[in-house]
N, C-alpha and C. Protein backbone atom coordinates (compact mmCIF):
# COMPACT_ATOMS: atom_id res chain seq x y z
N UNK A 1 -49.29 -19.50 27.75
CA UNK A 1 -50.31 -18.48 27.60
C UNK A 1 -49.68 -17.11 27.88
N UNK A 2 -49.85 -16.22 26.96
CA UNK A 2 -49.30 -14.89 27.13
C UNK A 2 -50.24 -14.04 27.98
N UNK A 3 -49.62 -13.25 28.83
CA UNK A 3 -50.39 -12.36 29.69
C UNK A 3 -50.40 -10.96 29.13
N UNK A 4 -50.23 -10.02 30.01
CA UNK A 4 -50.33 -8.61 29.65
C UNK A 4 -49.07 -8.07 29.00
N UNK A 5 -49.26 -7.04 28.21
CA UNK A 5 -48.16 -6.24 27.70
C UNK A 5 -47.95 -5.08 28.67
N UNK A 6 -46.70 -4.74 28.92
CA UNK A 6 -46.42 -3.62 29.82
C UNK A 6 -45.12 -2.95 29.41
N UNK A 7 -44.95 -1.72 29.86
CA UNK A 7 -43.72 -0.98 29.60
C UNK A 7 -43.02 -0.72 30.92
N UNK A 8 -41.68 -0.76 30.89
CA UNK A 8 -40.92 -0.44 32.09
C UNK A 8 -41.01 1.04 32.41
N UNK A 9 -41.06 1.86 31.38
CA UNK A 9 -41.20 3.31 31.52
C UNK A 9 -42.26 3.78 30.54
N UNK A 10 -43.10 4.71 30.93
CA UNK A 10 -44.19 5.14 30.04
C UNK A 10 -43.74 5.61 28.66
N UNK A 11 -42.55 6.19 28.55
CA UNK A 11 -42.08 6.71 27.26
C UNK A 11 -41.38 5.67 26.40
N UNK A 12 -41.17 4.47 26.92
CA UNK A 12 -40.52 3.40 26.16
C UNK A 12 -41.34 3.03 24.93
N UNK A 13 -40.65 2.53 23.92
CA UNK A 13 -41.32 2.03 22.72
C UNK A 13 -41.50 0.52 22.78
N UNK A 14 -40.74 -0.13 23.64
CA UNK A 14 -40.80 -1.59 23.75
C UNK A 14 -41.83 -2.01 24.78
N UNK A 15 -42.61 -2.99 24.38
CA UNK A 15 -43.57 -3.62 25.28
C UNK A 15 -42.96 -4.94 25.76
N UNK A 16 -42.96 -5.17 27.04
CA UNK A 16 -42.57 -6.47 27.58
C UNK A 16 -43.83 -7.30 27.73
N UNK A 17 -43.69 -8.61 27.66
CA UNK A 17 -44.84 -9.50 27.64
C UNK A 17 -44.69 -10.52 28.76
N UNK A 18 -45.71 -10.63 29.60
CA UNK A 18 -45.73 -11.67 30.62
C UNK A 18 -46.07 -12.99 29.96
N UNK A 19 -45.25 -14.01 30.19
CA UNK A 19 -45.54 -15.36 29.70
C UNK A 19 -45.93 -16.18 30.92
N UNK A 20 -47.20 -16.46 31.05
CA UNK A 20 -47.72 -17.12 32.24
C UNK A 20 -47.38 -18.60 32.30
N UNK A 21 -46.93 -19.18 31.19
CA UNK A 21 -46.65 -20.61 31.14
C UNK A 21 -45.19 -20.97 31.31
N UNK A 22 -44.32 -19.99 31.45
CA UNK A 22 -42.90 -20.32 31.56
C UNK A 22 -42.21 -19.41 32.56
N UNK A 23 -41.07 -19.89 33.01
CA UNK A 23 -40.24 -19.13 33.94
C UNK A 23 -38.93 -18.83 33.22
N UNK A 24 -38.45 -17.61 33.33
CA UNK A 24 -37.15 -17.27 32.77
C UNK A 24 -37.14 -16.80 31.34
N UNK A 25 -38.29 -16.73 30.70
CA UNK A 25 -38.32 -16.19 29.34
C UNK A 25 -38.58 -14.70 29.44
N UNK A 26 -37.87 -13.96 28.61
CA UNK A 26 -38.07 -12.53 28.52
C UNK A 26 -38.57 -12.24 27.11
N UNK A 27 -39.84 -11.92 27.01
CA UNK A 27 -40.48 -11.67 25.72
C UNK A 27 -40.76 -10.19 25.58
N UNK A 28 -40.58 -9.68 24.37
CA UNK A 28 -40.85 -8.27 24.13
C UNK A 28 -41.37 -8.06 22.72
N UNK A 29 -41.96 -6.89 22.51
CA UNK A 29 -42.56 -6.56 21.22
C UNK A 29 -42.44 -5.06 20.97
N UNK A 30 -42.41 -4.70 19.71
CA UNK A 30 -42.43 -3.30 19.33
C UNK A 30 -43.84 -2.86 18.93
N UNK A 31 -44.69 -3.83 18.58
CA UNK A 31 -46.00 -3.49 18.04
C UNK A 31 -47.15 -4.32 18.60
N UNK A 32 -46.87 -5.15 19.59
CA UNK A 32 -47.85 -6.06 20.21
C UNK A 32 -48.33 -7.15 19.25
N UNK A 33 -47.70 -7.28 18.10
CA UNK A 33 -48.04 -8.34 17.16
C UNK A 33 -46.90 -9.35 17.05
N UNK A 34 -45.73 -8.88 16.73
CA UNK A 34 -44.55 -9.73 16.63
C UNK A 34 -43.88 -9.74 18.00
N UNK A 35 -43.69 -10.95 18.54
CA UNK A 35 -43.09 -11.09 19.86
C UNK A 35 -41.73 -11.75 19.71
N UNK A 36 -40.74 -11.16 20.34
CA UNK A 36 -39.37 -11.66 20.31
C UNK A 36 -39.02 -12.26 21.66
N UNK A 37 -38.19 -13.29 21.61
CA UNK A 37 -37.63 -13.89 22.82
C UNK A 37 -36.24 -13.31 22.98
N UNK A 38 -36.00 -12.65 24.10
CA UNK A 38 -34.73 -11.96 24.30
C UNK A 38 -33.53 -12.87 24.09
N UNK A 39 -33.54 -14.06 24.68
CA UNK A 39 -32.37 -14.94 24.62
C UNK A 39 -32.21 -15.61 23.25
N UNK A 40 -33.29 -15.85 22.56
CA UNK A 40 -33.20 -16.52 21.26
C UNK A 40 -33.06 -15.54 20.09
N UNK A 41 -33.63 -14.36 20.20
CA UNK A 41 -33.75 -13.47 19.05
C UNK A 41 -32.84 -12.24 19.05
N UNK A 42 -32.37 -11.82 20.21
CA UNK A 42 -31.55 -10.59 20.27
C UNK A 42 -30.11 -10.89 19.97
N UNK A 43 -29.45 -10.13 19.15
CA UNK A 43 -29.92 -9.04 18.30
C UNK A 43 -30.23 -9.49 16.88
N UNK A 44 -30.07 -10.77 16.59
CA UNK A 44 -30.08 -11.29 15.22
C UNK A 44 -31.38 -11.09 14.46
N UNK A 45 -32.51 -11.17 15.13
CA UNK A 45 -33.79 -11.06 14.42
C UNK A 45 -34.37 -9.65 14.43
N UNK A 46 -33.66 -8.70 15.03
CA UNK A 46 -34.14 -7.33 15.06
C UNK A 46 -33.60 -6.57 13.85
N UNK A 47 -34.39 -5.63 13.38
CA UNK A 47 -33.89 -4.73 12.35
C UNK A 47 -32.88 -3.79 13.00
N UNK A 48 -32.06 -3.11 12.22
CA UNK A 48 -31.13 -2.14 12.81
C UNK A 48 -31.86 -1.07 13.65
N UNK A 49 -33.01 -0.62 13.17
CA UNK A 49 -33.78 0.38 13.93
C UNK A 49 -34.31 -0.21 15.24
N UNK A 50 -34.82 -1.42 15.19
CA UNK A 50 -35.31 -2.07 16.41
C UNK A 50 -34.17 -2.28 17.42
N UNK A 51 -33.01 -2.70 16.93
CA UNK A 51 -31.88 -2.92 17.82
C UNK A 51 -31.47 -1.62 18.50
N UNK A 52 -31.46 -0.53 17.73
CA UNK A 52 -31.10 0.77 18.29
C UNK A 52 -32.07 1.16 19.41
N UNK A 53 -33.36 1.00 19.17
CA UNK A 53 -34.37 1.31 20.18
C UNK A 53 -34.18 0.42 21.40
N UNK A 54 -34.03 -0.88 21.16
CA UNK A 54 -33.85 -1.80 22.27
C UNK A 54 -32.63 -1.43 23.10
N UNK A 55 -31.52 -1.17 22.44
CA UNK A 55 -30.28 -0.85 23.14
C UNK A 55 -30.40 0.43 23.96
N UNK A 56 -31.08 1.43 23.43
CA UNK A 56 -31.25 2.68 24.16
C UNK A 56 -32.11 2.49 25.41
N UNK A 57 -33.11 1.65 25.32
CA UNK A 57 -34.02 1.46 26.44
C UNK A 57 -33.55 0.40 27.44
N UNK A 58 -32.58 -0.42 27.04
CA UNK A 58 -32.18 -1.56 27.88
C UNK A 58 -30.67 -1.72 27.97
N UNK A 59 -29.97 -0.75 28.55
CA UNK A 59 -28.51 -0.84 28.62
C UNK A 59 -28.01 -2.06 29.40
N UNK A 60 -28.79 -2.53 30.36
CA UNK A 60 -28.38 -3.73 31.10
C UNK A 60 -28.21 -4.91 30.15
N UNK A 61 -29.20 -5.11 29.26
CA UNK A 61 -29.15 -6.25 28.34
C UNK A 61 -28.07 -6.08 27.29
N UNK A 62 -27.79 -4.85 26.90
CA UNK A 62 -26.69 -4.61 25.95
C UNK A 62 -25.38 -5.11 26.56
N UNK A 63 -25.15 -4.76 27.81
CA UNK A 63 -23.94 -5.19 28.51
C UNK A 63 -23.94 -6.72 28.68
N UNK A 64 -25.07 -7.27 29.04
CA UNK A 64 -25.20 -8.72 29.25
C UNK A 64 -24.85 -9.50 27.98
N UNK A 65 -25.29 -8.99 26.84
CA UNK A 65 -25.08 -9.66 25.56
C UNK A 65 -23.95 -9.05 24.74
N UNK A 66 -23.01 -8.39 25.38
CA UNK A 66 -21.96 -7.69 24.64
C UNK A 66 -21.15 -8.62 23.74
N UNK A 67 -21.08 -9.90 24.06
CA UNK A 67 -20.36 -10.84 23.20
C UNK A 67 -21.13 -11.16 21.91
N UNK A 68 -22.41 -10.83 21.85
CA UNK A 68 -23.22 -11.06 20.64
C UNK A 68 -23.16 -9.91 19.67
N UNK A 69 -22.64 -8.79 20.07
CA UNK A 69 -22.63 -7.60 19.24
C UNK A 69 -21.69 -7.83 18.13
């Protein structure tokens, strides 16, 4: 069951999604309709524009997944 959408910073474009039924999943969305799973979908299922936005807002994850770039 999905919970609330929230932003880490008010000016961010990415919405993070609480997944109340699982532990360790990091879900996010750009539009609150399409939800991506960070570990399964980044960066392969993002458009170039979405990846750019994600990377700018989440430098920690860019470094974490540097072998996927």
